[in-house]
Amino acid sequence: IFISPMTGGFGQMGNGSYEFKFPTGIVRANTPNEYYSGGHHYFDYSFYVADKGNDRIVKFIYQIVDSLGGWARHIKPNSFTNLFYTSISYDLDLFPGMDSLSDSDGILWYSSLNSFGLYALKPSSGKIVSQFESYIYNGEERYILPSRISVYKSPDGQANLLACIDRNENAILFFKLNTDGTMPGNVP
């Protein structure tokens, strides 16, 4: 007999809090926030979702609680927030910051199905801190139309990387990121 490891589901169709309309991307933030309170052991995991049909990126906290030897799993009350409104958000990935226990100093990169370019925002403020729509290749400017994206933070910060699938070029493109996870001002 197969026993499912699923611990629960979250969300329903709609455009309000705790609702999604065609979500297309999800990423978990850094190390969970672990703490004790009232005799219980808590683990808070921050998640970001590209909610394509609602033109937004949302954040919520999935909470695991060790309560007197039993485990409870649920969405932390009042943790669902609209982080950023964007036209048809498609995919996202988090460049972790220096603080592994918090996502506040990380950079959240995202792509949109409706526009050229890649965009980065601060999860703590929802403000765009880096973006680019085109790059120069063999002396020619090319506009990027990304779908899926992935970011990598190297241990020393010198080989940070953003990779994406470009629907214009039918290729996978790679870009070097600054040590803080933003794009250099002069994208080659």
C-alpha atoms as a PDB file:
ATOM      1  CA  ILE A   1       0.000   0.000   0.000  1.00  0.00           C
ATOM      2  CA  PHE A   2       1.323   3.426  -0.968  1.00  0.00           C
ATOM      3  CA  ILE A   3       1.031   6.123   1.704  1.00  0.00           C
ATOM      4  CA  SER A   4       1.211   9.669   0.413  1.00  0.00           C
ATOM      5  CA  PRO A   5       3.807  11.946   2.005  1.00  0.00           C
ATOM      6  CA  MET A   6       1.620  15.001   1.288  1.00  0.00           C
ATOM      7  CA  THR A   7       1.063  17.056   4.418  1.00  0.00           C
ATOM      8  CA  GLY A   8      -1.732  19.260   3.124  1.00  0.00           C
ATOM      9  CA  GLY A   9      -2.800  21.697   0.466  1.00  0.00           C
ATOM     10  CA  PHE A  10      -3.140  25.438   0.365  1.00  0.00           C
ATOM     11  CA  GLY A  11      -5.127  27.907  -1.686  1.00  0.00           C
ATOM     12  CA  GLN A  12      -8.072  27.945  -4.012  1.00  0.00           C
ATOM     13  CA  MET A  13      -9.101  29.685  -7.227  1.00  0.00           C
ATOM     14  CA  GLY A  14      -9.626  33.413  -6.814  1.00  0.00           C
ATOM     15  CA  ASN A  15      -7.897  36.765  -6.482  1.00  0.00           C
ATOM     16  CA  GLY A  16      -8.029  37.470  -2.761  1.00  0.00           C
ATOM     17  CA  SER A  17      -5.912  36.464   0.185  1.00  0.00           C
ATOM     18  CA  TYR A  18      -5.084  32.758   0.240  1.00  0.00           C
ATOM     19  CA  GLU A  19      -6.286  32.454  -3.371  1.00  0.00           C
ATOM     20  CA  PHE A  20      -4.436  31.929  -6.653  1.00  0.00           C
ATOM     21  CA  LYS A  21      -5.264  32.120 -10.338  1.00  0.00           C
ATOM     22  CA  PHE A  22      -2.898  29.944 -12.382  1.00  0.00           C
ATOM     23  CA  PRO A  23       0.244  30.044 -10.194  1.00  0.00           C
ATOM     24  CA  THR A  24       3.298  29.164 -12.292  1.00  0.00           C
ATOM     25  CA  GLY A  25       6.367  29.487 -10.090  1.00  0.00           C
ATOM     26  CA  ILE A  26       7.288  28.856  -6.462  1.00  0.00           C
ATOM     27  CA  VAL A  27      10.478  29.222  -4.442  1.00  0.00           C
ATOM     28  CA  ARG A  28      11.280  28.691  -0.771  1.00  0.00           C
ATOM     29  CA  ALA A  29      13.333  31.306   1.010  1.00  0.00           C
ATOM     30  CA  ASN A  30      16.434  30.658   3.071  1.00  0.00           C
ATOM     31  CA  THR A  31      16.775  28.516   6.182  1.00  0.00           C
ATOM     32  CA  PRO A  32      13.537  28.324   8.184  1.00  0.00           C
ATOM     33  CA  ASN A  33      13.065  30.666  11.089  1.00  0.00           C
ATOM     34  CA  GLU A  34      13.246  28.325  14.079  1.00  0.00           C
ATOM     35  CA  TYR A  35      12.024  29.351  17.540  1.00  0.00           C
ATOM     36  CA  TYR A  36      10.353  28.184  20.748  1.00  0.00           C
ATOM     37  CA  SER A  37       7.196  29.666  22.196  1.00  0.00           C
ATOM     38  CA  GLY A  38       4.699  28.416  24.764  1.00  0.00           C
ATOM     39  CA  GLY A  39       6.401  25.032  25.023  1.00  0.00           C
ATOM     40  CA  HIS A  40       6.220  24.468  21.248  1.00  0.00           C
ATOM     41  CA  HIS A  41       9.012  24.271  18.683  1.00  0.00           C
ATOM     42  CA  TYR A  42       8.259  26.297  15.500  1.00  0.00           C
ATOM     43  CA  PHE A  43       9.753  26.217  11.994  1.00  0.00           C
ATOM     44  CA  ASP A  44       8.584  29.037   9.671  1.00  0.00           C
ATOM     45  CA  TYR A  45       9.327  28.593   5.946  1.00  0.00           C
ATOM     46  CA  SER A  46       8.798  31.621   3.690  1.00  0.00           C
ATOM     47  CA  PHE A  47       7.483  30.864   0.195  1.00  0.00           C
ATOM     48  CA  TYR A  48       7.084  33.137  -2.824  1.00  0.00           C
ATOM     49  CA  VAL A  49       4.628  32.361  -5.643  1.00  0.00           C
ATOM     50  CA  ALA A  50       4.323  33.821  -9.145  1.00  0.00           C
ATOM     51  CA  ASP A  51       0.528  34.122  -9.385  1.00  0.00           C
ATOM     52  CA  LYS A  52       0.236  34.567 -13.161  1.00  0.00           C
ATOM     53  CA  GLY A  53      -3.529  35.037 -13.465  1.00  0.00           C
ATOM     54  CA  ASN A  54      -3.608  37.688 -10.728  1.00  0.00           C
ATOM     55  CA  ASP A  55      -0.547  39.613 -12.014  1.00  0.00           C
ATOM     56  CA  ARG A  56       1.255  39.426  -8.696  1.00  0.00           C
ATOM     57  CA  ILE A  57       3.954  37.839  -6.609  1.00  0.00           C
ATOM     58  CA  VAL A  58       2.774  36.713  -3.192  1.00  0.00           C
ATOM     59  CA  LYS A  59       4.481  35.550  -0.025  1.00  0.00           C
ATOM     60  CA  PHE A  60       3.236  33.275   2.732  1.00  0.00           C
ATOM     61  CA  ILE A  61       4.735  31.301   5.612  1.00  0.00           C
ATOM     62  CA  TYR A  62       4.337  27.534   5.877  1.00  0.00           C
ATOM     63  CA  GLN A  63       4.652  26.649   9.555  1.00  0.00           C
ATOM     64  CA  ILE A  64       5.610  23.331  11.114  1.00  0.00           C
ATOM     65  CA  VAL A  65       5.050  23.017  14.860  1.00  0.00           C
ATOM     66  CA  ASP A  66       6.342  20.312  17.193  1.00  0.00           C
ATOM     67  CA  SER A  67       3.597  20.281  19.773  1.00  0.00           C
ATOM     68  CA  LEU A  68       4.016  17.837  22.649  1.00  0.00           C
ATOM     69  CA  GLY A  69       5.520  15.143  20.463  1.00  0.00           C
ATOM     70  CA  GLY A  70       3.099  15.597  17.532  1.00  0.00           C
ATOM     71  CA  TRP A  71       3.645  17.632  14.394  1.00  0.00           C
ATOM     72  CA  ALA A  72       1.242  20.212  12.996  1.00  0.00           C
ATOM     73  CA  ARG A  73       1.622  21.772   9.543  1.00  0.00           C
ATOM     74  CA  HIS A  74      -0.320  24.786   8.281  1.00  0.00           C
ATOM     75  CA  ILE A  75      -0.104  28.224   6.728  1.00  0.00           C
ATOM     76  CA  LYS A  76       0.767  30.739   9.419  1.00  0.00           C
ATOM     77  CA  PRO A  77      -2.231  33.001  10.082  1.00  0.00           C
ATOM     78  CA  ASN A  78      -2.026  36.477   8.518  1.00  0.00           C
ATOM     79  CA  SER A  79       1.183  35.609   6.623  1.00  0.00           C
ATOM     80  CA  PHE A  80      -0.254  35.829   3.077  1.00  0.00           C
ATOM     81  CA  THR A  81       0.864  39.123   1.509  1.00  0.00           C
ATOM     82  CA  ASN A  82       0.881  40.622  -1.975  1.00  0.00           C
ATOM     83  CA  LEU A  83       4.549  41.436  -2.382  1.00  0.00           C
ATOM     84  CA  PHE A  84       4.491  42.963  -5.858  1.00  0.00           C
ATOM     85  CA  TYR A  85       2.059  43.501  -8.744  1.00  0.00           C
ATOM     86  CA  THR A  86       3.409  42.724 -12.207  1.00  0.00           C
ATOM     87  CA  SER A  87       2.020  41.846 -15.602  1.00  0.00           C
ATOM     88  CA  ILE A  88       1.665  38.068 -15.933  1.00  0.00           C
ATOM     89  CA  SER A  89       4.452  36.940 -13.588  1.00  0.00           C
ATOM     90  CA  TYR A  90       5.724  33.570 -14.712  1.00  0.00           C
ATOM     91  CA  ASP A  91       8.722  32.248 -12.817  1.00  0.00           C
ATOM     92  CA  LEU A  92      10.919  33.327  -9.927  1.00  0.00           C
ATOM     93  CA  ASP A  93      13.976  32.370  -7.941  1.00  0.00           C
ATOM     94  CA  LEU A  94      15.607  33.752  -4.816  1.00  0.00           C
ATOM     95  CA  PHE A  95      19.220  34.862  -4.591  1.00  0.00           C
ATOM     96  CA  PRO A  96      19.972  34.370  -0.875  1.00  0.00           C
ATOM     97  CA  GLY A  97      21.440  37.252   1.061  1.00  0.00           C
ATOM     98  CA  MET A  98      24.091  37.202   3.757  1.00  0.00           C
ATOM     99  CA  ASP A  99      21.649  36.303   6.559  1.00  0.00           C
ATOM    100  CA  SER A 100      20.715  32.653   6.068  1.00  0.00           C
ATOM    101  CA  LEU A 101      17.948  32.940   8.680  1.00  0.00           C
ATOM    102  CA  SER A 102      16.121  35.742   6.869  1.00  0.00           C
ATOM    103  CA  ASP A 103      15.083  36.484   3.327  1.00  0.00           C
ATOM    104  CA  SER A 104      15.028  40.239   3.934  1.00  0.00           C
ATOM    105  CA  ASP A 105      18.452  40.859   2.365  1.00  0.00           C
ATOM    106  CA  GLY A 106      17.959  38.474  -0.556  1.00  0.00           C
ATOM    107  CA  ILE A 107      17.048  39.356  -4.143  1.00  0.00           C
ATOM    108  CA  LEU A 108      13.954  37.850  -5.769  1.00  0.00           C
ATOM    109  CA  TRP A 109      14.381  37.575  -9.559  1.00  0.00           C
ATOM    110  CA  TYR A 110      11.284  37.069 -11.701  1.00  0.00           C
ATOM    111  CA  SER A 111      10.208  36.775 -15.321  1.00  0.00           C
ATOM    112  CA  SER A 112       6.977  37.883 -16.991  1.00  0.00           C
ATOM    113  CA  LEU A 113       5.221  36.289 -19.944  1.00  0.00           C
ATOM    114  CA  ASN A 114       3.969  39.683 -21.056  1.00  0.00           C
ATOM    115  CA  SER A 115       7.160  41.717 -21.268  1.00  0.00           C
ATOM    116  CA  PHE A 116      10.800  41.613 -22.223  1.00  0.00           C
ATOM    117  CA  GLY A 117      13.387  41.403 -19.473  1.00  0.00           C
ATOM    118  CA  LEU A 118      14.247  40.069 -16.079  1.00  0.00           C
ATOM    119  CA  TYR A 119      13.472  41.921 -12.878  1.00  0.00           C
ATOM    120  CA  ALA A 120      14.825  41.739  -9.331  1.00  0.00           C
ATOM    121  CA  LEU A 121      13.137  43.012  -6.203  1.00  0.00           C
ATOM    122  CA  LYS A 122      13.847  43.132  -2.490  1.00  0.00           C
ATOM    123  CA  PRO A 123      11.487  40.792  -0.634  1.00  0.00           C
ATOM    124  CA  SER A 124      11.604  43.098   2.389  1.00  0.00           C
ATOM    125  CA  SER A 125      10.224  46.109   0.492  1.00  0.00           C
ATOM    126  CA  GLY A 126       8.784  44.841  -2.803  1.00  0.00           C
ATOM    127  CA  LYS A 127      10.864  47.458  -4.668  1.00  0.00           C
ATOM    128  CA  ILE A 128      12.656  46.678  -7.946  1.00  0.00           C
ATOM    129  CA  VAL A 129      16.432  46.951  -7.441  1.00  0.00           C
ATOM    130  CA  SER A 130      17.711  45.598 -10.763  1.00  0.00           C
ATOM    131  CA  GLN A 131      16.343  44.913 -14.219  1.00  0.00           C
ATOM    132  CA  PHE A 132      17.366  44.522 -17.825  1.00  0.00           C
ATOM    133  CA  GLU A 133      15.487  44.016 -21.074  1.00  0.00           C
ATOM    134  CA  SER A 134      18.282  43.449 -23.561  1.00  0.00           C
ATOM    135  CA  TYR A 135      21.921  42.481 -23.952  1.00  0.00           C
ATOM    136  CA  ILE A 136      24.625  42.885 -26.596  1.00  0.00           C
ATOM    137  CA  TYR A 137      25.827  39.777 -28.436  1.00  0.00           C
ATOM    138  CA  ASN A 138      28.329  39.988 -31.325  1.00  0.00           C
ATOM    139  CA  GLY A 139      27.703  43.730 -31.504  1.00  0.00           C
ATOM    140  CA  GLU A 140      23.934  43.303 -31.838  1.00  0.00           C
ATOM    141  CA  GLU A 141      21.334  44.279 -29.242  1.00  0.00           C
ATOM    142  CA  ARG A 142      18.964  41.414 -28.465  1.00  0.00           C
ATOM    143  CA  TYR A 143      15.827  41.617 -26.390  1.00  0.00           C
ATOM    144  CA  ILE A 144      15.323  38.871 -23.874  1.00  0.00           C
ATOM    145  CA  LEU A 145      11.953  37.135 -23.517  1.00  0.00           C
ATOM    146  CA  PRO A 146      12.531  34.804 -20.574  1.00  0.00           C
ATOM    147  CA  SER A 147      10.365  32.034 -19.218  1.00  0.00           C
ATOM    148  CA  ARG A 148      12.028  29.845 -16.572  1.00  0.00           C
ATOM    149  CA  ILE A 149      14.880  31.262 -14.490  1.00  0.00           C
ATOM    150  CA  SER A 150      17.419  30.006 -11.975  1.00  0.00           C
ATOM    151  CA  VAL A 151      19.973  31.828  -9.823  1.00  0.00           C
ATOM    152  CA  TYR A 152      23.096  30.537  -8.118  1.00  0.00           C
ATOM    153  CA  LYS A 153      25.100  32.128  -5.315  1.00  0.00           C
ATOM    154  CA  SER A 154      28.708  30.955  -5.215  1.00  0.00           C
ATOM    155  CA  PRO A 155      30.380  30.510  -1.818  1.00  0.00           C
ATOM    156  CA  ASP A 156      32.777  33.419  -2.406  1.00  0.00           C
ATOM    157  CA  GLY A 157      30.277  35.574  -4.333  1.00  0.00           C
ATOM    158  CA  GLN A 158      32.567  35.855  -7.356  1.00  0.00           C
ATOM    159  CA  ALA A 159      30.783  33.366  -9.623  1.00  0.00           C
ATOM    160  CA  ASN A 160      27.150  34.300  -8.983  1.00  0.00           C
ATOM    161  CA  LEU A 161      24.978  33.377 -11.922  1.00  0.00           C
ATOM    162  CA  LEU A 162      21.507  33.876 -13.377  1.00  0.00           C
ATOM    163  CA  ALA A 163      20.342  31.444 -16.056  1.00  0.00           C
ATOM    164  CA  CYS A 164      17.129  31.680 -18.044  1.00  0.00           C
ATOM    165  CA  ILE A 165      15.336  30.153 -20.975  1.00  0.00           C
ATOM    166  CA  ASP A 166      14.971  32.810 -23.672  1.00  0.00           C
ATOM    167  CA  ARG A 167      11.920  32.250 -25.879  1.00  0.00           C
ATOM    168  CA  ASN A 168      13.250  34.676 -28.524  1.00  0.00           C
ATOM    169  CA  GLU A 169      16.541  32.863 -29.062  1.00  0.00           C
ATOM    170  CA  ASN A 170      15.281  29.374 -28.159  1.00  0.00           C
ATOM    171  CA  ALA A 171      18.332  29.137 -25.948  1.00  0.00           C
ATOM    172  CA  ILE A 172      19.500  29.105 -22.371  1.00  0.00           C
ATOM    173  CA  LEU A 173      21.271  32.335 -21.465  1.00  0.00           C
ATOM    174  CA  PHE A 174      23.728  32.870 -18.596  1.00  0.00           C
ATOM    175  CA  PHE A 175      24.507  36.196 -16.890  1.00  0.00           C
ATOM    176  CA  LYS A 176      27.027  36.992 -14.162  1.00  0.00           C
ATOM    177  CA  LEU A 177      25.528  38.660 -11.093  1.00  0.00           C
ATOM    178  CA  ASN A 178      27.147  41.093  -8.674  1.00  0.00           C
ATOM    179  CA  THR A 179      28.088  39.857  -5.204  1.00  0.00           C
ATOM    180  CA  ASP A 180      24.746  41.186  -3.862  1.00  0.00           C
ATOM    181  CA  GLY A 181      22.710  39.318  -6.512  1.00  0.00           C
ATOM    182  CA  THR A 182      21.902  42.326  -8.722  1.00  0.00           C
ATOM    183  CA  MET A 183      22.819  42.654 -12.403  1.00  0.00           C
ATOM    184  CA  PRO A 184      25.912  44.690 -13.325  1.00  0.00           C
ATOM    185  CA  GLY A 185      25.069  48.073 -14.840  1.00  0.00           C
ATOM    186  CA  ASN A 186      26.779  47.223 -18.125  1.00  0.00           C
ATOM    187  CA  VAL A 187      25.256  43.914 -19.225  1.00  0.00           C
ATOM    188  CA  PRO A 188      27.538  42.572 -22.004  1.00  0.00           C
END
